[in-house]
Amino acid sequence: MTTQAATIRLAVIDTDTAFLTVLGKRLEAAGWEHRVLPGGIPVEEIVAMKLNALLVDLSVLGADSWDFLERVCGAVPGLGVLVCTDRSTVAQRVRGLRLGADDWISKPSHPEEVMARVEAVARRRRRATGKAVEAGPMVAGELEIRADQYQAFVSGESIGLTRREFELLQLLADAHGQVIEREDIYQKVWGYAMARGDRSVDVFVRKLRQKLQRHSGGWRYIHTHFGIGYRFDPEALGAEDGSEEALTPAAADVEAPLDALVTAESDPVAPDPVA
């Protein structure tokens, strides 16, 4: 076990006694600080724990599982969140990762693999946090991008980005006007190779654009390069330019079906994802 493992503070939401017993022994031997939670707790309490990572079995949370996962991932941006559960479908795993989970582990799973995955997620989060502190805020148009808070502001007001939306915005902004291909965006933000036909990047770009327009309607920030990807380049709009949604008829045609795609993927999933 690496010396780095001793610095990890982990909370586990699970009621699987056999799994917790074996995992607990390995965590103690490695010198990890850890605690077991029998169910979902207020996000404020998770923040107060100053954790590096949270390992959660969604079946323990029942009908509130998806809401809890989204709230935790959105409210604690520096926290590594891993789902460890069984009897999951592809649609459920995709949904969990899109809500902000960093990894999804299927039970039964070996405790050494679980710990290695937690280490990997915590390591990525530490690197991202360290860079955020060093970088300081970025100002672009009316937008102030604060990597230390995982949020963007206009006139001091948060535009309400989720963690995934912020990571997407930061990636595009850090490219300084260079076009980033969709596959590269997915790999860097989601951490996986993009499957054929997956349009998660387009869905999240559209959501991000809507929030930017709502708070800074006089500027265009994200430009589409059809068939390739996206570019971040703040541009003040004149009266003749119209709104962000009216970029071109082609843009509207390409993006219009995406909300329906998300709904179609999400609706079939039962409230209890692993029941």
Protein backbone atom coordinates (compact mmCIF):
# COMPACT_ATOMS: atom_id res chain seq x y z
CA MET A 1 0.00 0.00 0.00
CA THR A 2 1.33 3.43 -0.84
CA THR A 3 2.21 5.99 1.83
CA GLN A 4 -0.24 8.29 0.10
CA ALA A 5 -3.09 6.03 1.28
CA ALA A 6 -2.56 7.05 4.93
CA THR A 7 -3.73 10.59 4.14
CA ILE A 8 -7.17 9.49 2.93
CA ARG A 9 -10.30 10.24 4.96
CA LEU A 10 -13.11 7.99 3.77
CA ALA A 11 -16.77 7.60 4.69
CA VAL A 12 -18.72 4.50 3.64
CA ILE A 13 -22.51 4.40 3.32
CA ASP A 14 -23.36 0.70 3.36
CA THR A 15 -25.10 -1.94 5.46
CA ASP A 16 -23.42 -5.04 4.00
CA THR A 17 -21.87 -6.45 7.20
CA ALA A 18 -19.57 -8.96 5.49
CA PHE A 19 -18.25 -6.38 3.01
CA LEU A 20 -17.77 -3.75 5.73
CA THR A 21 -15.91 -6.17 8.01
CA VAL A 22 -13.36 -7.19 5.38
CA LEU A 23 -12.98 -3.66 4.02
CA GLY A 24 -12.65 -2.19 7.51
CA LYS A 25 -9.74 -4.48 8.37
CA ARG A 26 -7.91 -3.48 5.18
CA LEU A 27 -8.54 0.22 5.83
CA GLU A 28 -7.25 -0.01 9.40
CA ALA A 29 -4.14 -1.89 8.26
CA ALA A 30 -3.47 0.83 5.70
CA GLY A 31 -3.88 3.59 8.26
CA TRP A 32 -6.88 5.23 6.58
CA GLU A 33 -9.24 7.37 8.61
CA HIS A 34 -12.71 5.99 7.94
CA ARG A 35 -16.20 5.78 9.32
CA VAL A 36 -19.32 3.85 8.36
CA LEU A 37 -22.65 5.62 7.92
CA PRO A 38 -25.84 3.52 7.99
CA GLY A 39 -27.67 5.76 5.51
CA GLY A 40 -27.86 9.15 3.88
CA ILE A 41 -27.07 12.14 6.07
CA PRO A 42 -27.40 15.89 5.41
CA VAL A 43 -24.83 17.16 2.94
CA GLU A 44 -23.73 19.76 5.50
CA GLU A 45 -22.52 16.96 7.79
CA ILE A 46 -20.52 15.41 4.95
CA VAL A 47 -18.88 18.78 4.29
CA ALA A 48 -17.96 19.07 8.00
CA MET A 49 -16.20 15.69 7.91
CA LYS A 50 -13.56 17.08 5.50
CA LEU A 51 -13.41 13.81 3.58
CA ASN A 52 -11.27 12.88 0.61
CA ALA A 53 -13.76 10.31 -0.63
CA LEU A 54 -17.24 8.88 -0.12
CA LEU A 55 -18.08 5.27 -0.98
CA VAL A 56 -21.82 4.70 -1.22
CA ASP A 57 -24.11 1.75 -1.90
CA LEU A 58 -27.14 3.38 -3.52
CA SER A 59 -29.44 0.52 -2.53
CA VAL A 60 -29.14 1.68 1.08
CA LEU A 61 -30.70 5.04 0.19
CA GLY A 62 -33.80 3.72 -1.57
CA ALA A 63 -35.95 6.24 -3.43
CA ASP A 64 -33.72 9.16 -2.40
CA SER A 65 -30.57 7.66 -3.94
CA TRP A 66 -30.35 9.73 -7.12
CA ASP A 67 -31.23 12.97 -5.36
CA PHE A 68 -28.65 12.32 -2.65
CA LEU A 69 -25.95 11.50 -5.18
CA GLU A 70 -26.62 14.66 -7.17
CA ARG A 71 -26.68 16.89 -4.06
CA VAL A 72 -23.43 15.47 -2.70
CA CYS A 73 -21.60 15.75 -6.01
CA GLY A 74 -22.85 19.29 -6.55
CA ALA A 75 -22.29 20.65 -3.04
CA VAL A 76 -18.87 19.13 -2.29
CA PRO A 77 -16.87 19.63 -5.49
CA GLY A 78 -13.53 18.47 -4.08
CA LEU A 79 -14.96 15.19 -2.78
CA GLY A 80 -14.31 11.96 -4.65
CA VAL A 81 -17.59 10.04 -4.90
CA LEU A 82 -17.64 6.33 -5.73
CA VAL A 83 -20.72 4.13 -6.03
CA CYS A 84 -20.24 0.52 -4.91
CA THR A 85 -23.37 -1.54 -5.43
CA ASP A 86 -24.77 -4.61 -7.16
CA ARG A 87 -27.57 -5.47 -9.58
CA SER A 88 -27.10 -2.30 -11.63
CA THR A 89 -27.91 -1.74 -15.29
CA VAL A 90 -25.92 0.14 -17.91
CA ALA A 91 -28.51 2.95 -17.82
CA GLN A 92 -28.14 3.28 -14.05
CA ARG A 93 -24.34 3.36 -14.18
CA VAL A 94 -24.41 5.97 -16.92
CA ARG A 95 -26.89 8.05 -14.95
CA GLY A 96 -24.76 7.91 -11.80
CA LEU A 97 -21.61 8.98 -13.62
CA ARG A 98 -23.45 11.82 -15.33
CA LEU A 99 -24.78 13.05 -12.00
CA GLY A 100 -21.19 13.49 -10.88
CA ALA A 101 -19.96 10.16 -9.45
CA ASP A 102 -16.25 9.64 -10.16
CA ASP A 103 -16.43 5.86 -10.38
CA TRP A 104 -18.90 2.96 -10.23
CA ILE A 105 -17.82 -0.36 -8.70
CA SER A 106 -19.94 -3.47 -9.05
CA LYS A 107 -20.31 -5.88 -6.15
CA PRO A 108 -19.00 -8.39 -5.31
CA SER A 109 -15.69 -6.55 -5.34
CA HIS A 110 -12.31 -7.17 -3.74
CA PRO A 111 -11.43 -4.64 -1.01
CA GLU A 112 -7.97 -4.05 -2.52
CA GLU A 113 -9.57 -2.99 -5.81
CA VAL A 114 -12.03 -0.76 -3.98
CA MET A 115 -9.18 0.92 -2.10
CA ALA A 116 -7.12 1.33 -5.28
CA ARG A 117 -10.05 3.02 -7.00
CA VAL A 118 -10.60 5.31 -4.00
CA GLU A 119 -6.90 6.22 -4.07
CA ALA A 120 -7.06 7.01 -7.79
CA VAL A 121 -10.10 9.25 -7.39
CA ALA A 122 -8.65 11.02 -4.33
CA ARG A 123 -5.37 11.55 -6.18
CA ARG A 124 -7.13 13.19 -9.14
CA ARG A 125 -9.11 15.42 -6.78
CA ARG A 126 -5.97 16.52 -4.92
CA ARG A 127 -4.24 17.45 -8.15
CA ALA A 128 -7.26 19.40 -9.37
CA THR A 129 -7.59 21.23 -6.06
CA GLY A 130 -3.89 22.08 -5.98
CA LYS A 131 -4.01 23.54 -9.48
CA ALA A 132 -7.16 25.50 -8.59
CA VAL A 133 -5.50 27.18 -5.61
CA GLU A 134 -2.42 28.07 -7.65
CA ALA A 135 -4.31 29.33 -10.69
CA GLY A 136 -6.57 31.89 -9.01
CA PRO A 137 -9.72 33.28 -10.68
CA MET A 138 -10.04 33.66 -14.46
CA VAL A 139 -11.97 36.63 -15.87
CA ALA A 140 -13.55 36.23 -19.30
CA GLY A 141 -16.10 38.76 -20.54
CA GLU A 142 -18.50 39.30 -17.64
CA LEU A 143 -17.60 35.89 -16.22
CA GLU A 144 -15.33 35.18 -13.26
CA ILE A 145 -14.31 31.53 -13.14
CA ARG A 146 -13.27 30.45 -9.64
CA ALA A 147 -11.60 27.05 -9.69
CA ASP A 148 -11.13 27.14 -5.91
CA GLN A 149 -14.93 27.21 -5.50
CA TYR A 150 -15.85 25.09 -8.55
CA GLN A 151 -18.16 27.90 -9.61
CA ALA A 152 -18.48 30.84 -12.01
CA PHE A 153 -19.84 34.27 -11.14
CA VAL A 154 -21.30 37.29 -12.93
CA SER A 155 -21.26 40.54 -10.93
CA GLY A 156 -20.53 38.51 -7.81
CA GLU A 157 -23.56 36.22 -8.30
CA SER A 158 -23.09 32.49 -8.77
CA ILE A 159 -24.52 31.12 -12.01
CA GLY A 160 -25.30 27.82 -10.29
CA LEU A 161 -23.09 25.32 -12.08
CA THR A 162 -23.02 21.67 -11.11
CA ARG A 163 -19.61 20.09 -10.63
CA ARG A 164 -19.67 18.48 -14.07
CA GLU A 165 -20.77 21.72 -15.74
CA PHE A 166 -17.95 23.58 -14.02
CA GLU A 167 -15.36 21.01 -15.08
CA LEU A 168 -16.59 21.37 -18.66
CA LEU A 169 -16.42 25.17 -18.51
CA GLN A 170 -12.96 25.14 -16.96
CA LEU A 171 -11.62 22.70 -19.55
CA LEU A 172 -12.87 24.86 -22.41
CA ALA A 173 -11.66 28.10 -20.82
CA ASP A 174 -8.20 26.67 -20.09
CA ALA A 175 -7.78 25.91 -23.80
CA HIS A 176 -7.58 29.68 -24.50
CA GLY A 177 -9.63 29.69 -27.69
CA GLN A 178 -8.46 26.35 -29.06
CA VAL A 179 -11.09 23.91 -30.34
CA ILE A 180 -11.42 20.77 -28.22
CA GLU A 181 -12.89 17.70 -29.86
CA ARG A 182 -15.90 16.04 -28.27
CA GLU A 183 -14.00 12.81 -27.61
CA ASP A 184 -11.25 14.70 -25.79
CA ILE A 185 -13.80 16.63 -23.72
CA TYR A 186 -15.50 13.42 -22.66
CA GLN A 187 -12.22 11.72 -21.79
CA LYS A 188 -11.00 14.63 -19.66
CA VAL A 189 -14.28 15.55 -17.93
CA TRP A 190 -15.96 12.16 -17.56
CA GLY A 191 -12.75 10.15 -17.35
CA TYR A 192 -13.82 7.50 -19.86
CA ALA A 193 -13.59 6.91 -23.58
CA MET A 194 -16.73 8.18 -25.30
CA ALA A 195 -19.01 5.45 -26.63
CA ARG A 196 -20.28 5.69 -30.19
CA GLY A 197 -23.43 7.79 -30.32
CA ASP A 198 -23.02 9.22 -26.81
CA ARG A 199 -24.07 12.88 -26.80
CA SER A 200 -23.43 13.74 -23.17
CA VAL A 201 -20.99 16.48 -24.18
CA ASP A 202 -23.60 18.19 -26.36
CA VAL A 203 -26.22 17.92 -23.62
CA PHE A 204 -23.96 19.50 -21.02
CA VAL A 205 -22.74 22.23 -23.38
CA ARG A 206 -26.34 23.18 -24.00
CA LYS A 207 -27.12 23.32 -20.28
CA LEU A 208 -23.98 25.36 -19.67
CA ARG A 209 -24.87 27.79 -22.47
CA GLN A 210 -28.35 28.29 -21.03
CA LYS A 211 -26.94 29.23 -17.63
CA LEU A 212 -24.39 31.56 -19.19
CA GLN A 213 -27.07 33.26 -21.27
CA ARG A 214 -29.37 33.63 -18.26
CA HIS A 215 -26.72 35.51 -16.29
CA SER A 216 -24.67 37.13 -19.06
CA GLY A 217 -26.96 37.44 -22.06
CA GLY A 218 -24.86 40.11 -23.75
CA TRP A 219 -21.98 37.72 -24.33
CA ARG A 220 -21.38 34.55 -26.29
CA TYR A 221 -18.83 32.28 -24.63
CA ILE A 222 -18.96 28.82 -26.23
CA HIS A 223 -18.74 28.34 -29.98
CA THR A 224 -19.69 25.16 -31.84
CA HIS A 225 -17.47 23.62 -34.51
CA PHE A 226 -19.86 21.17 -36.11
CA GLY A 227 -18.59 17.63 -36.44
CA ILE A 228 -15.54 18.49 -34.32
CA GLY A 229 -16.16 20.03 -30.90
CA TYR A 230 -16.31 23.32 -29.01
CA ARG A 231 -14.27 26.45 -28.40
CA PHE A 232 -14.39 28.97 -25.53
CA ASP A 233 -13.93 32.54 -26.79
CA PRO A 234 -15.86 35.38 -25.04
CA GLU A 235 -17.50 37.69 -27.58
CA ALA A 236 -19.70 40.69 -26.81
CA LEU A 237 -22.96 40.55 -28.77
CA GLY A 238 -24.47 43.49 -30.62
CA ALA A 239 -28.22 44.00 -30.80
CA GLU A 240 -28.27 42.41 -34.24
CA ASP A 241 -26.69 39.21 -32.95
CA GLY A 242 -29.75 38.13 -30.99
CA SER A 243 -29.69 35.55 -28.23
CA GLU A 244 -27.35 32.64 -27.60
CA GLU A 245 -30.00 30.19 -28.73
CA ALA A 246 -30.22 31.83 -32.14
CA LEU A 247 -26.66 31.09 -33.23
CA THR A 248 -27.69 29.42 -36.49
CA PRO A 249 -30.62 27.30 -37.62
CA ALA A 250 -28.19 24.38 -37.89
CA ALA A 251 -27.21 24.72 -34.23
CA ALA A 252 -30.81 24.65 -33.12
CA ASP A 253 -31.52 21.63 -35.31
CA VAL A 254 -28.57 19.69 -33.89
CA GLU A 255 -29.20 20.51 -30.24
CA ALA A 256 -32.99 20.45 -30.04
CA PRO A 257 -33.43 16.66 -29.53
CA LEU A 258 -30.85 16.40 -26.75
CA ASP A 259 -33.16 17.09 -23.80
CA ALA A 260 -35.43 14.35 -25.06
CA LEU A 261 -32.43 12.04 -25.20
CA VAL A 262 -31.60 12.72 -21.54
CA THR A 263 -35.22 12.17 -20.51
CA ALA A 264 -35.38 8.95 -22.47
CA GLU A 265 -32.25 7.68 -20.76
CA SER A 266 -33.37 8.70 -17.28
CA ASP A 267 -37.08 7.88 -17.23
CA PRO A 268 -36.81 4.06 -17.40
CA VAL A 269 -34.63 3.98 -14.27
CA ALA A 270 -36.60 3.14 -11.14
CA PRO A 271 -36.35 5.44 -8.10
CA ASP A 272 -34.45 2.69 -6.24
CA PRO A 273 -31.62 2.05 -8.70
CA VAL A 274 -30.55 -1.32 -7.40
CA ALA A 275 -33.72 -2.80 -5.93
